[in-house]
Amino acid sequence: MDALSESLVAHGAWLVGLNVLLQQLGLPIPAVPTMIVAGALAAGSRLSAPGVFTLAVLASVVADLVWYWAGRRYGYHVLKFLCRVSLSPDTCVRQTEGIFERYGFFSVVVSKFIPGFATVAPPMAGALDMRLPSFLGAAFASAALWVGTAMGAGWLFRTQVAGVLAWMTENTALAAGIVGALLAVYVLVKAWQRWRLTRFVAASRITVDELGSMLDGEEPPHLVDVGSKLAHDHRPRIPGAVLLDLEEIDTRAHEFPSDRDIVLYCACPNEASARRAAQILHARGFRRARPLAGGLDAWIASGRIVEQATATVVLDRHKRAA
């Protein structure tokens, strides 16, 4: 018997629950393989399927509640922190906002099945003041679907799971090498994507002080706040900025002036959305498009004036974010 199966048989549902709790809190510990193996063992009556399922669901909901209250207490700062430490920080905030904007309550239900979204969904729900009963309902439904699917797969394919575990036990070095190689390729691809985005418009960035001087001048720049409608409804903006989603930059490029600077900013790690918007405008011939270094955070940190958002959006079972 392999080490994972031995550990599960020896410690039972508590090991699966701890694995799920730590993984959902953000540690890079895979939980799905453990639940699949637990399902296969439960099929052979070596583990209690109801016990494993119950503890795994509760562990997932507890972790989600921790992130929910963090989002409720600290707002977007928690989301941006999580996105900064992820492998895709340049798109994390924008994609998370986009999912919530489209699906609201149901985005939490399916969050466990969307790569990179499971950890950021609970703090986003807290930051957007999703009601606690609604969040708990969505969290329980999401955990039940996730755990049930993983354990069900292990139950149905118990013979194949046993075969894979036996092969991995006999070929430990080879299995570790394959997994390590795939992970290394994934990390390298993400690093290359970030490097390409960074170098494209890094030299054209404008500082907060430069922007402040330009806004006070005779020919102020065309200022654009790049973000989703959800973001625009829940965070401040620089006075006078035009509010546009990243997808609107290309479709409305004909509205941008060609005779003055265009300054784009966002509230995302590495000014990712603003840099991408500058890329799009550069490709359309707007060579004076410049992202704001540090984005909205740098502007606020400098003590300059911002306008507060006026819209209030509450995520509920029967409402989607708008």
Protein backbone atom coordinates (compact mmCIF):
# COMPACT_ATOMS: atom_id res chain seq x y z
CA MET A 1 0.00 0.00 0.00
CA ASP A 2 1.32 3.53 -0.85
CA ALA A 3 2.13 6.12 1.80
CA LEU A 4 -0.91 8.32 1.06
CA SER A 5 -3.34 5.40 1.41
CA GLU A 6 -1.63 4.23 4.60
CA SER A 7 -1.91 7.72 6.11
CA LEU A 8 -5.58 8.02 5.18
CA VAL A 9 -6.44 4.62 6.62
CA ALA A 10 -4.50 5.40 9.80
CA HIS A 11 -5.86 8.92 10.41
CA GLY A 12 -9.12 8.77 8.49
CA ALA A 13 -11.35 11.75 7.81
CA TRP A 14 -9.35 14.11 10.03
CA LEU A 15 -6.38 14.01 7.66
CA VAL A 16 -8.59 14.81 4.66
CA GLY A 17 -10.26 17.65 6.59
CA LEU A 18 -6.91 19.14 7.61
CA ASN A 19 -5.64 18.87 4.04
CA VAL A 20 -8.71 20.69 2.72
CA LEU A 21 -8.52 23.38 5.41
CA LEU A 22 -4.87 24.21 4.73
CA GLN A 23 -5.34 24.17 0.97
CA GLN A 24 -8.37 26.46 1.11
CA LEU A 25 -6.53 28.85 3.43
CA GLY A 26 -4.02 29.32 0.60
CA LEU A 27 -1.20 26.88 1.24
CA PRO A 28 0.13 25.18 -1.92
CA ILE A 29 -1.06 21.76 -0.78
CA PRO A 30 -3.21 19.83 -3.30
CA ALA A 31 -6.43 18.54 -1.75
CA VAL A 32 -8.18 16.97 -4.73
CA PRO A 33 -5.81 13.96 -5.01
CA THR A 34 -6.32 13.24 -1.31
CA MET A 35 -10.11 13.34 -1.68
CA ILE A 36 -9.98 11.12 -4.77
CA VAL A 37 -7.92 8.53 -2.91
CA ALA A 38 -10.27 8.83 0.08
CA GLY A 39 -13.21 8.13 -2.23
CA ALA A 40 -11.48 5.05 -3.61
CA LEU A 41 -10.75 3.79 -0.08
CA ALA A 42 -14.34 4.49 0.99
CA ALA A 43 -15.54 2.36 -1.92
CA GLY A 44 -13.60 -0.53 -0.41
CA SER A 45 -15.07 0.14 3.07
CA ARG A 46 -11.70 1.21 4.43
CA LEU A 47 -12.89 4.74 5.22
CA SER A 48 -16.25 6.22 6.20
CA ALA A 49 -17.56 8.11 3.17
CA PRO A 50 -20.05 10.23 5.22
CA GLY A 51 -17.37 11.08 7.77
CA VAL A 52 -14.80 12.14 5.18
CA PHE A 53 -17.39 14.12 3.19
CA THR A 54 -18.73 15.95 6.26
CA LEU A 55 -15.33 16.94 7.65
CA ALA A 56 -14.00 18.01 4.25
CA VAL A 57 -17.06 20.20 3.60
CA LEU A 58 -16.86 21.79 7.05
CA ALA A 59 -13.12 22.43 6.66
CA SER A 60 -13.72 24.15 3.33
CA VAL A 61 -16.50 26.34 4.74
CA VAL A 62 -14.37 27.32 7.78
CA ALA A 63 -11.52 28.42 5.49
CA ASP A 64 -13.95 30.33 3.27
CA LEU A 65 -15.36 32.11 6.32
CA VAL A 66 -11.87 33.21 7.38
CA TRP A 67 -11.30 34.81 3.97
CA TYR A 68 -14.84 36.22 3.90
CA TRP A 69 -14.32 38.09 7.17
CA ALA A 70 -10.89 39.25 6.01
CA GLY A 71 -12.49 40.70 2.89
CA ARG A 72 -15.25 42.25 4.97
CA ARG A 73 -12.69 43.85 7.29
CA TYR A 74 -9.95 44.89 4.87
CA GLY A 75 -11.77 45.08 1.54
CA TYR A 76 -9.83 45.14 -1.70
CA HIS A 77 -6.48 45.08 0.11
CA VAL A 78 -6.95 41.37 0.84
CA LEU A 79 -7.80 40.60 -2.78
CA LYS A 80 -4.81 42.47 -4.10
CA PHE A 81 -2.54 40.71 -1.60
CA LEU A 82 -3.77 37.30 -2.74
CA CYS A 83 -3.35 38.28 -6.38
CA ARG A 84 0.19 39.55 -5.80
CA VAL A 85 1.32 36.16 -4.47
CA SER A 86 -0.48 34.17 -7.16
CA LEU A 87 1.17 32.90 -10.33
CA SER A 88 -1.05 35.19 -12.43
CA PRO A 89 -1.16 38.49 -10.51
CA ASP A 90 -1.46 40.54 -13.69
CA THR A 91 -4.95 39.22 -14.47
CA CYS A 92 -6.14 38.03 -11.06
CA VAL A 93 -8.07 41.12 -9.95
CA ARG A 94 -9.61 41.81 -13.35
CA GLN A 95 -10.75 38.21 -13.91
CA THR A 96 -12.14 37.92 -10.39
CA GLU A 97 -14.13 41.14 -10.80
CA GLY A 98 -15.38 39.97 -14.18
CA ILE A 99 -16.66 36.66 -12.82
CA PHE A 100 -18.44 38.35 -9.91
CA GLU A 101 -19.89 41.01 -12.17
CA ARG A 102 -21.49 38.37 -14.40
CA TYR A 103 -22.59 35.70 -11.92
CA GLY A 104 -22.69 37.19 -8.39
CA PHE A 105 -23.97 34.59 -5.89
CA PHE A 106 -23.49 31.66 -8.24
CA SER A 107 -19.83 32.54 -8.83
CA VAL A 108 -19.18 31.49 -5.21
CA VAL A 109 -21.03 28.20 -5.79
CA VAL A 110 -18.78 27.22 -8.70
CA SER A 111 -15.63 28.92 -7.40
CA LYS A 112 -13.93 25.65 -6.40
CA PHE A 113 -13.98 24.53 -10.03
CA ILE A 114 -12.39 27.69 -11.49
CA PRO A 115 -8.56 27.66 -11.34
CA GLY A 116 -7.23 30.56 -9.28
CA PHE A 117 -10.70 31.68 -8.19
CA ALA A 118 -11.37 29.42 -5.18
CA THR A 119 -9.21 31.42 -2.75
CA VAL A 120 -10.12 34.91 -3.98
CA ALA A 121 -13.90 34.38 -4.19
CA PRO A 122 -14.61 34.48 -0.41
CA PRO A 123 -12.71 37.73 0.30
CA MET A 124 -14.29 39.29 -2.78
CA ALA A 125 -17.74 38.34 -1.45
CA GLY A 126 -16.85 39.91 1.91
CA ALA A 127 -15.46 43.06 0.31
CA LEU A 128 -18.67 43.49 -1.69
CA ASP A 129 -20.87 43.08 1.42
CA MET A 130 -22.49 39.82 0.36
CA ARG A 131 -24.89 38.89 3.16
CA LEU A 132 -23.57 36.23 5.52
CA PRO A 133 -26.54 33.81 5.11
CA SER A 134 -26.22 34.00 1.33
CA PHE A 135 -22.48 33.47 1.51
CA LEU A 136 -22.82 30.49 3.84
CA GLY A 137 -25.37 28.91 1.50
CA ALA A 138 -23.07 29.41 -1.47
CA ALA A 139 -20.01 28.20 0.47
CA PHE A 140 -21.73 24.99 1.62
CA ALA A 141 -23.06 24.32 -1.88
CA SER A 142 -19.63 24.93 -3.42
CA ALA A 143 -17.84 22.70 -0.89
CA ALA A 144 -20.40 19.91 -1.25
CA LEU A 145 -20.12 19.92 -5.04
CA TRP A 146 -16.32 20.05 -4.94
CA VAL A 147 -15.81 17.36 -2.31
CA GLY A 148 -18.58 15.19 -3.73
CA THR A 149 -17.14 15.37 -7.23
CA ALA A 150 -13.62 14.45 -6.11
CA MET A 151 -14.71 11.62 -3.82
CA GLY A 152 -17.22 10.41 -6.41
CA ALA A 153 -14.47 10.23 -9.02
CA GLY A 154 -12.35 8.18 -6.62
CA TRP A 155 -15.31 5.88 -5.88
CA LEU A 156 -16.13 5.30 -9.56
CA PHE A 157 -12.54 4.86 -10.69
CA ARG A 158 -11.23 3.05 -7.62
CA THR A 159 -9.55 0.36 -9.74
CA GLN A 160 -7.70 2.92 -11.85
CA VAL A 161 -6.77 4.95 -8.74
CA ALA A 162 -5.29 1.85 -7.15
CA GLY A 163 -3.31 1.18 -10.32
CA VAL A 164 -1.95 4.72 -10.51
CA LEU A 165 -0.95 4.68 -6.85
CA ALA A 166 0.78 1.33 -7.28
CA TRP A 167 2.71 2.66 -10.31
CA MET A 168 3.72 5.82 -8.44
CA THR A 169 4.91 3.73 -5.51
CA GLU A 170 7.07 1.61 -7.80
CA ASN A 171 8.31 4.59 -9.85
CA THR A 172 8.53 7.34 -7.27
CA ALA A 173 11.47 9.16 -8.86
CA LEU A 174 9.95 9.15 -12.34
CA ALA A 175 6.53 10.31 -11.08
CA ALA A 176 8.12 13.14 -9.09
CA GLY A 177 10.18 14.14 -12.12
CA ILE A 178 7.11 14.34 -14.38
CA VAL A 179 5.14 16.41 -11.88
CA GLY A 180 8.12 18.69 -11.26
CA ALA A 181 8.72 19.22 -14.98
CA LEU A 182 5.09 20.14 -15.64
CA LEU A 183 5.09 22.59 -12.73
CA ALA A 184 8.36 24.16 -13.91
CA VAL A 185 7.00 24.65 -17.44
CA TYR A 186 3.84 26.29 -16.07
CA VAL A 187 5.80 28.68 -13.83
CA LEU A 188 8.19 29.60 -16.67
CA VAL A 189 5.33 30.36 -19.05
CA LYS A 190 3.68 32.65 -16.47
CA ALA A 191 7.00 34.38 -15.77
CA TRP A 192 7.59 34.98 -19.48
CA GLN A 193 4.11 36.45 -19.90
CA ARG A 194 4.70 38.86 -17.03
CA TRP A 195 8.15 39.87 -18.37
CA ARG A 196 6.74 40.56 -21.84
CA LEU A 197 3.97 42.77 -20.44
CA THR A 198 6.38 44.61 -18.15
CA ARG A 199 9.00 45.53 -20.75
CA PHE A 200 6.52 46.60 -23.42
CA VAL A 201 5.47 49.90 -21.88
CA ALA A 202 7.71 50.17 -18.80
CA ALA A 203 9.76 52.99 -20.31
CA SER A 204 6.66 55.09 -21.03
CA ARG A 205 5.23 55.07 -17.51
CA ILE A 206 4.36 58.39 -15.93
CA THR A 207 4.87 59.15 -12.25
CA VAL A 208 2.28 60.52 -9.86
CA ASP A 209 4.15 63.83 -9.60
CA GLU A 210 4.28 64.19 -13.38
CA LEU A 211 0.58 63.47 -13.67
CA GLY A 212 -0.25 65.98 -10.93
CA SER A 213 1.70 68.69 -12.76
CA MET A 214 0.06 67.85 -16.07
CA LEU A 215 -3.45 67.95 -14.59
CA ASP A 216 -2.72 71.44 -13.26
CA GLY A 217 -1.37 72.60 -16.63
CA GLU A 218 -3.08 74.23 -19.59
CA GLU A 219 -3.33 70.96 -21.57
CA PRO A 220 -4.27 68.22 -19.11
CA PRO A 221 -3.98 64.63 -20.33
CA HIS A 222 -6.90 62.41 -21.24
CA LEU A 223 -7.19 60.41 -18.01
CA VAL A 224 -8.66 56.89 -18.06
CA ASP A 225 -9.53 54.68 -15.09
CA VAL A 226 -9.23 51.09 -16.34
CA GLY A 227 -11.38 48.66 -14.39
CA SER A 228 -14.60 46.69 -14.34
CA LYS A 229 -17.91 48.35 -13.47
CA LEU A 230 -17.77 46.39 -10.23
CA ALA A 231 -14.43 48.00 -9.38
CA HIS A 232 -15.61 51.47 -10.36
CA ASP A 233 -18.64 51.07 -8.06
CA HIS A 234 -16.52 50.11 -5.04
CA ARG A 235 -13.32 52.11 -5.07
CA PRO A 236 -12.35 55.77 -5.44
CA ARG A 237 -11.07 57.30 -8.67
CA ILE A 238 -8.94 60.27 -9.71
CA PRO A 239 -11.17 63.31 -10.40
CA GLY A 240 -11.89 63.80 -14.08
CA ALA A 241 -11.03 60.25 -15.15
CA VAL A 242 -13.07 58.46 -17.80
CA LEU A 243 -14.20 55.06 -16.49
CA LEU A 244 -13.63 52.23 -18.95
CA ASP A 245 -13.34 48.47 -18.78
CA LEU A 246 -10.25 46.98 -20.41
CA GLU A 247 -12.42 45.37 -23.11
CA GLU A 248 -13.75 48.84 -24.04
CA ILE A 249 -10.33 50.31 -24.74
CA ASP A 250 -10.08 48.78 -28.20
CA THR A 251 -13.74 49.19 -29.20
CA ARG A 252 -13.77 52.87 -28.19
CA ALA A 253 -10.24 53.74 -29.31
CA HIS A 254 -11.67 56.14 -31.91
CA GLU A 255 -12.86 58.36 -29.04
CA PHE A 256 -9.34 58.93 -27.69
CA PRO A 257 -7.55 62.19 -28.56
CA SER A 258 -4.48 61.97 -30.74
CA ASP A 259 -3.13 65.44 -29.92
CA ARG A 260 -2.34 64.99 -26.20
CA ASP A 261 -1.13 62.49 -23.68
CA ILE A 262 -3.37 59.64 -22.60
CA VAL A 263 -2.75 58.49 -19.04
CA LEU A 264 -4.20 55.18 -17.94
CA TYR A 265 -4.32 53.83 -14.40
CA CYS A 266 -5.86 50.93 -12.50
CA ALA A 267 -5.96 49.46 -9.00
CA CYS A 268 -4.25 46.18 -9.78
CA PRO A 269 -0.84 44.53 -9.17
CA ASN A 270 1.93 45.82 -11.45
CA GLU A 271 -0.46 48.27 -13.15
CA ALA A 272 -1.37 45.25 -15.28
CA SER A 273 -4.65 46.48 -16.77
CA ALA A 274 -3.25 49.97 -17.43
CA ARG A 275 -0.20 48.48 -19.16
CA ARG A 276 -2.37 46.21 -21.27
CA ALA A 277 -4.57 49.17 -22.20
CA ALA A 278 -1.45 51.13 -23.23
CA GLN A 279 -0.39 48.18 -25.39
CA ILE A 280 -3.74 48.22 -27.15
CA LEU A 281 -3.61 51.97 -27.78
CA HIS A 282 0.01 51.83 -28.95
CA ALA A 283 -1.03 49.22 -31.52
CA ARG A 284 -3.79 51.58 -32.69
CA GLY A 285 -1.28 54.39 -33.22
CA PHE A 286 -1.65 56.30 -29.94
CA ARG A 287 2.03 56.60 -29.07
CA ARG A 288 1.36 59.04 -26.23
CA ALA A 289 -0.58 56.49 -24.18
CA ARG A 290 1.17 56.08 -20.81
CA PRO A 291 0.34 53.94 -17.74
CA LEU A 292 0.54 55.55 -14.30
CA ALA A 293 3.38 54.06 -12.24
CA GLY A 294 1.94 52.54 -9.06
CA GLY A 295 -1.60 53.08 -10.25
CA LEU A 296 -4.38 54.33 -7.99
CA ASP A 297 -2.57 53.16 -4.86
CA ALA A 298 0.40 55.42 -5.60
CA TRP A 299 -1.91 58.37 -6.25
CA ILE A 300 -3.72 57.85 -2.92
CA ALA A 301 -0.44 57.31 -1.05
CA SER A 302 0.80 60.68 -2.29
CA GLY A 303 -2.09 62.38 -0.46
CA ARG A 304 -3.80 63.68 -3.58
CA ILE A 305 -7.56 64.11 -3.93
CA VAL A 306 -9.79 61.25 -5.05
CA GLU A 307 -13.51 60.96 -5.70
CA GLN A 308 -15.37 58.31 -3.75
CA ALA A 309 -17.60 55.81 -5.53
CA THR A 310 -21.29 56.50 -5.03
CA ALA A 311 -22.86 53.22 -6.14
CA THR A 312 -23.59 50.50 -3.60
CA VAL A 313 -23.84 46.92 -4.78
CA VAL A 314 -24.96 44.11 -2.49
CA LEU A 315 -24.50 40.55 -3.73
CA ASP A 316 -27.52 38.42 -2.94
CA ARG A 317 -29.00 35.13 -4.06
CA HIS A 318 -31.35 36.85 -6.48
CA LYS A 319 -29.04 39.66 -7.57
CA ARG A 320 -25.87 39.70 -9.54
CA ALA A 321 -23.18 42.33 -9.14
CA ALA A 322 -23.72 45.30 -11.41
